Each structure stands twice: as C-alpha cells, then as structure tokens.
Amino acid sequence: MPVPDIDDATRTELEAAAFRRLIQHLRERTDVQNIDLMNLAGFCRNCLSRWYREAAEARGLPLADPDAREIVYGMPYREWQAKYQKEATAEQKATFAAANPGH
C-alpha cells in the first residue's frame, strides 16, 4: 500500500503524537534502563531530552537540560534516578563500551 499524500501540518501532528506516545511508553517502562536503550538502539531518554532541547533552541526557545529531561522523564531527573535507576552490570558496561568507544 502506498504512503498517503500527507500535508506538512498533518505530518507534524502525526510525528508529535508518535513522539508523545514514545515518551509515555518510556515513562511507563521504568524497568528499562537507559544503558539498555543505548546498547540496543543507540539512544536513550537523555538523548531524547537533548534532541528536544536542541529543537527548542533552533526555534529560539531557550531550554535548560534539566527542564528538557523533566519533559521526557515526567519528573526531575534526579528523582527518576533515585526511584528507578539501577547500577549497570559489568556486561552492560562492556557492551556499551564496545558499541560507543570514547563515549
């Protein structure tokens, strides 16, 4: 089935809806650690918040990293870390180091 012809405004609305659903999904899946996301997909919640901040700045809207992270995490980042972040295993760290040399 061919992709329907979608105008730019509708495309933007659909992309925004998909992004909001992704954010909601990640908020619900607190069991999924950022290192797991990085090791499997090459991005994490922090990447999403940085991309959000960069998009805001490109439009002339200053947005601090902590504020962008709160948008993505649904709470202050330090609170999320205290509630949900676990120490990465040696295997997770090794996988990350192999996939991201110098990071």
N, C-alpha and C. Protein backbone atom coordinates (compact mmCIF):
# COMPACT_ATOMS: atom_id res chain seq x y z
N MET A 1 0.85 -1.18 0.00
CA MET A 1 0.00 0.00 0.00
C MET A 1 0.89 1.24 0.00
N PRO A 2 0.67 2.15 -0.91
CA PRO A 2 1.50 3.36 -0.97
C PRO A 2 1.22 4.27 0.22
N VAL A 3 2.24 5.05 0.58
CA VAL A 3 2.10 6.02 1.66
C VAL A 3 1.16 7.13 1.18
N PRO A 4 0.16 7.47 1.99
CA PRO A 4 -0.76 8.52 1.55
C PRO A 4 -0.06 9.88 1.48
N ASP A 5 -0.56 10.73 0.62
CA ASP A 5 -0.04 12.09 0.50
C ASP A 5 -0.53 12.87 1.72
N ILE A 6 0.40 13.28 2.56
CA ILE A 6 0.05 13.98 3.80
C ILE A 6 0.67 15.37 3.76
N ASP A 7 -0.13 16.37 4.08
CA ASP A 7 0.39 17.73 4.10
C ASP A 7 1.34 17.90 5.30
N ASP A 8 2.17 18.93 5.24
CA ASP A 8 3.20 19.14 6.26
C ASP A 8 2.62 19.31 7.66
N ALA A 9 1.52 20.04 7.79
CA ALA A 9 0.93 20.26 9.11
C ALA A 9 0.43 18.96 9.71
N THR A 10 -0.21 18.14 8.90
CA THR A 10 -0.71 16.85 9.39
C THR A 10 0.46 15.93 9.73
N ARG A 11 1.50 15.93 8.91
CA ARG A 11 2.69 15.12 9.19
C ARG A 11 3.29 15.51 10.53
N THR A 12 3.40 16.81 10.77
CA THR A 12 3.93 17.30 12.04
C THR A 12 3.06 16.85 13.20
N GLU A 13 1.76 16.92 13.05
CA GLU A 13 0.84 16.47 14.10
C GLU A 13 1.00 14.98 14.37
N LEU A 14 1.13 14.19 13.32
CA LEU A 14 1.30 12.74 13.49
C LEU A 14 2.64 12.42 14.16
N GLU A 15 3.69 13.11 13.72
CA GLU A 15 5.00 12.90 14.33
C GLU A 15 4.99 13.28 15.81
N ALA A 16 4.33 14.39 16.12
CA ALA A 16 4.23 14.82 17.52
C ALA A 16 3.46 13.81 18.35
N ALA A 17 2.39 13.27 17.79
CA ALA A 17 1.60 12.26 18.51
C ALA A 17 2.43 11.01 18.75
N ALA A 18 3.20 10.60 17.76
CA ALA A 18 4.05 9.42 17.92
C ALA A 18 5.13 9.68 18.97
N PHE A 19 5.69 10.87 18.98
CA PHE A 19 6.70 11.22 19.97
C PHE A 19 6.10 11.21 21.37
N ARG A 20 4.91 11.79 21.53
CA ARG A 20 4.26 11.79 22.84
C ARG A 20 3.99 10.37 23.31
N ARG A 21 3.61 9.49 22.40
CA ARG A 21 3.36 8.09 22.76
C ARG A 21 4.65 7.39 23.15
N LEU A 22 5.74 7.68 22.46
CA LEU A 22 7.04 7.13 22.83
C LEU A 22 7.43 7.58 24.24
N ILE A 23 7.27 8.85 24.52
CA ILE A 23 7.61 9.37 25.84
C ILE A 23 6.75 8.70 26.90
N GLN A 24 5.46 8.57 26.66
CA GLN A 24 4.57 7.91 27.61
C GLN A 24 4.99 6.46 27.83
N HIS A 25 5.32 5.78 26.76
CA HIS A 25 5.76 4.39 26.86
C HIS A 25 7.02 4.28 27.73
N LEU A 26 7.98 5.16 27.50
CA LEU A 26 9.21 5.12 28.29
C LEU A 26 8.96 5.47 29.75
N ARG A 27 8.02 6.37 30.01
CA ARG A 27 7.67 6.69 31.40
C ARG A 27 7.06 5.48 32.10
N GLU A 28 6.28 4.70 31.37
CA GLU A 28 5.65 3.51 31.94
C GLU A 28 6.66 2.38 32.11
N ARG A 29 7.67 2.32 31.28
CA ARG A 29 8.65 1.23 31.32
C ARG A 29 9.90 1.65 32.11
N THR A 30 9.68 1.98 33.37
CA THR A 30 10.80 2.38 34.22
C THR A 30 11.77 1.23 34.45
N ASP A 31 11.35 0.01 34.15
CA ASP A 31 12.25 -1.14 34.28
C ASP A 31 13.33 -1.15 33.20
N VAL A 32 13.08 -0.45 32.12
CA VAL A 32 14.06 -0.38 31.03
C VAL A 32 15.05 0.73 31.36
N GLN A 33 16.28 0.34 31.56
CA GLN A 33 17.32 1.29 31.93
C GLN A 33 17.86 1.99 30.68
N ASN A 34 18.39 3.19 30.88
CA ASN A 34 18.96 3.93 29.76
C ASN A 34 20.09 3.16 29.08
N ILE A 35 20.90 2.47 29.86
CA ILE A 35 22.00 1.72 29.25
C ILE A 35 21.45 0.60 28.36
N ASP A 36 20.31 0.02 28.73
CA ASP A 36 19.68 -0.99 27.88
C ASP A 36 19.27 -0.36 26.54
N LEU A 37 18.67 0.81 26.61
CA LEU A 37 18.26 1.52 25.39
C LEU A 37 19.49 1.84 24.53
N MET A 38 20.54 2.34 25.16
CA MET A 38 21.75 2.68 24.42
C MET A 38 22.35 1.44 23.76
N ASN A 39 22.40 0.35 24.50
CA ASN A 39 23.01 -0.86 23.96
C ASN A 39 22.20 -1.47 22.83
N LEU A 40 20.89 -1.33 22.88
CA LEU A 40 20.04 -1.94 21.85
C LEU A 40 19.72 -0.99 20.70
N ALA A 41 19.51 0.28 21.01
CA ALA A 41 19.02 1.20 19.99
C ALA A 41 19.95 2.37 19.70
N GLY A 42 20.95 2.57 20.53
CA GLY A 42 21.88 3.66 20.29
C GLY A 42 21.38 5.03 20.74
N PHE A 43 20.30 5.06 21.50
CA PHE A 43 19.81 6.30 22.09
C PHE A 43 19.10 5.96 23.39
N CYS A 44 18.89 6.99 24.23
CA CYS A 44 18.20 6.77 25.50
C CYS A 44 17.33 7.99 25.81
N ARG A 45 16.76 7.99 26.99
CA ARG A 45 15.90 9.10 27.41
C ARG A 45 16.67 10.42 27.41
N ASN A 46 17.95 10.37 27.81
CA ASN A 46 18.75 11.59 27.83
C ASN A 46 18.97 12.11 26.41
N CYS A 47 19.15 11.21 25.46
CA CYS A 47 19.27 11.62 24.06
C CYS A 47 17.99 12.33 23.62
N LEU A 48 16.85 11.74 23.93
CA LEU A 48 15.57 12.36 23.55
C LEU A 48 15.44 13.75 24.15
N SER A 49 15.83 13.90 25.41
CA SER A 49 15.71 15.22 26.04
C SER A 49 16.68 16.21 25.40
N ARG A 50 17.86 15.75 25.02
CA ARG A 50 18.81 16.64 24.34
C ARG A 50 18.28 17.06 22.97
N TRP A 51 17.71 16.09 22.23
CA TRP A 51 17.14 16.43 20.92
C TRP A 51 15.99 17.42 21.07
N TYR A 52 15.19 17.25 22.11
CA TYR A 52 14.08 18.17 22.38
C TYR A 52 14.63 19.58 22.66
N ARG A 53 15.67 19.65 23.52
CA ARG A 53 16.28 20.94 23.85
C ARG A 53 16.87 21.58 22.60
N GLU A 54 17.56 20.79 21.78
CA GLU A 54 18.16 21.33 20.56
C GLU A 54 17.09 21.86 19.60
N ALA A 55 15.96 21.16 19.50
CA ALA A 55 14.86 21.62 18.64
C ALA A 55 14.28 22.92 19.17
N ALA A 56 14.15 23.02 20.49
CA ALA A 56 13.64 24.27 21.08
C ALA A 56 14.61 25.42 20.80
N GLU A 57 15.89 25.16 21.01
CA GLU A 57 16.89 26.21 20.78
C GLU A 57 16.94 26.63 19.32
N ALA A 58 16.73 25.69 18.41
CA ALA A 58 16.72 26.02 16.98
C ALA A 58 15.57 26.96 16.64
N ARG A 59 14.55 26.94 17.48
CA ARG A 59 13.40 27.84 17.29
C ARG A 59 13.51 29.09 18.16
N GLY A 60 14.68 29.30 18.78
CA GLY A 60 14.89 30.48 19.60
C GLY A 60 14.29 30.38 20.99
N LEU A 61 13.95 29.17 21.43
CA LEU A 61 13.37 28.97 22.75
C LEU A 61 14.42 28.37 23.67
N PRO A 62 14.97 29.15 24.59
CA PRO A 62 15.97 28.59 25.49
C PRO A 62 15.34 27.55 26.41
N LEU A 63 16.00 26.42 26.54
CA LEU A 63 15.50 25.35 27.39
C LEU A 63 16.71 24.68 28.04
N ALA A 64 16.75 24.71 29.35
CA ALA A 64 17.86 24.11 30.09
C ALA A 64 17.75 22.58 30.06
N ASP A 65 18.90 21.92 30.13
CA ASP A 65 18.91 20.46 30.14
C ASP A 65 18.00 19.86 31.22
N PRO A 66 18.05 20.36 32.46
CA PRO A 66 17.16 19.77 33.48
C PRO A 66 15.69 19.90 33.12
N ASP A 67 15.31 20.99 32.49
CA ASP A 67 13.90 21.18 32.09
C ASP A 67 13.52 20.23 30.96
N ALA A 68 14.42 20.05 30.00
CA ALA A 68 14.15 19.12 28.91
C ALA A 68 14.07 17.69 29.43
N ARG A 69 14.94 17.35 30.36
CA ARG A 69 14.88 16.00 30.94
C ARG A 69 13.58 15.78 31.70
N GLU A 70 13.11 16.80 32.40
CA GLU A 70 11.85 16.65 33.14
C GLU A 70 10.68 16.43 32.18
N ILE A 71 10.73 17.04 31.01
CA ILE A 71 9.70 16.83 30.00
C ILE A 71 9.69 15.36 29.56
N VAL A 72 10.86 14.79 29.36
CA VAL A 72 10.96 13.41 28.90
C VAL A 72 10.68 12.42 30.04
N TYR A 73 11.26 12.65 31.19
CA TYR A 73 11.13 11.70 32.30
C TYR A 73 9.80 11.83 33.05
N GLY A 74 9.16 12.99 32.95
CA GLY A 74 7.91 13.20 33.68
C GLY A 74 8.13 13.58 35.12
N MET A 75 9.36 13.83 35.48
CA MET A 75 9.74 14.23 36.84
C MET A 75 11.18 14.71 36.76
N PRO A 76 11.66 15.39 37.80
CA PRO A 76 13.08 15.78 37.78
C PRO A 76 13.96 14.55 37.61
N TYR A 77 15.03 14.71 36.85
CA TYR A 77 15.92 13.60 36.52
C TYR A 77 16.48 12.94 37.77
N ARG A 78 16.90 13.72 38.74
CA ARG A 78 17.46 13.15 39.98
C ARG A 78 16.43 12.29 40.70
N GLU A 79 15.17 12.70 40.66
CA GLU A 79 14.11 11.90 41.28
C GLU A 79 13.96 10.56 40.55
N TRP A 80 13.97 10.61 39.20
CA TRP A 80 13.87 9.38 38.42
C TRP A 80 15.04 8.45 38.74
N GLN A 81 16.24 9.02 38.79
CA GLN A 81 17.42 8.22 39.10
C GLN A 81 17.27 7.52 40.46
N ALA A 82 16.83 8.28 41.46
CA ALA A 82 16.70 7.72 42.80
C ALA A 82 15.64 6.62 42.85
N LYS A 83 14.57 6.78 42.10
CA LYS A 83 13.48 5.80 42.12
C LYS A 83 13.75 4.57 41.26
N TYR A 84 14.34 4.77 40.08
CA TYR A 84 14.35 3.71 39.08
C TYR A 84 15.71 3.26 38.56
N GLN A 85 16.71 4.11 38.63
CA GLN A 85 17.99 3.74 38.02
C GLN A 85 18.72 2.72 38.86
N LYS A 86 19.20 1.69 38.19
CA LYS A 86 19.97 0.63 38.83
C LYS A 86 21.41 0.72 38.36
N GLU A 87 22.31 0.19 39.15
CA GLU A 87 23.71 0.13 38.76
C GLU A 87 23.83 -0.79 37.54
N ALA A 88 24.54 -0.31 36.55
CA ALA A 88 24.75 -1.13 35.35
C ALA A 88 25.63 -2.32 35.68
N THR A 89 25.30 -3.44 35.07
CA THR A 89 26.11 -4.65 35.27
C THR A 89 27.41 -4.53 34.48
N ALA A 90 28.35 -5.37 34.82
CA ALA A 90 29.62 -5.39 34.08
C ALA A 90 29.37 -5.71 32.61
N GLU A 91 28.44 -6.61 32.33
CA GLU A 91 28.11 -6.96 30.95
C GLU A 91 27.51 -5.76 30.20
N GLN A 92 26.60 -5.05 30.84
CA GLN A 92 26.00 -3.87 30.21
C GLN A 92 27.08 -2.82 29.91
N LYS A 93 27.96 -2.60 30.87
CA LYS A 93 29.04 -1.62 30.68
C LYS A 93 29.98 -2.04 29.54
N ALA A 94 30.29 -3.32 29.47
CA ALA A 94 31.17 -3.82 28.40
C ALA A 94 30.52 -3.67 27.04
N THR A 95 29.24 -3.98 26.94
CA THR A 95 28.51 -3.84 25.68
C THR A 95 28.49 -2.37 25.26
N PHE A 96 28.23 -1.50 26.22
CA PHE A 96 28.19 -0.07 25.93
C PHE A 96 29.56 0.42 25.45
N ALA A 97 30.62 0.03 26.15
CA ALA A 97 31.98 0.47 25.80
C ALA A 97 32.36 -0.02 24.40
N ALA A 98 31.97 -1.25 24.07
CA ALA A 98 32.31 -1.79 22.74
C ALA A 98 31.56 -1.05 21.63
N ALA A 99 30.32 -0.68 21.90
CA ALA A 99 29.50 -0.02 20.88
C ALA A 99 29.75 1.48 20.81
N ASN A 100 30.31 2.06 21.86
CA ASN A 100 30.48 3.52 21.94
C ASN A 100 31.90 3.87 22.38
N PRO A 101 32.91 3.49 21.62
CA PRO A 101 34.28 3.80 22.05
C PRO A 101 34.48 5.30 22.21
N GLY A 102 35.10 5.67 23.32
CA GLY A 102 35.37 7.07 23.57
C GLY A 102 34.21 7.85 24.13
N HIS A 103 33.09 7.20 24.37
CA HIS A 103 31.91 7.93 24.89
C HIS A 103 32.00 8.04 26.38
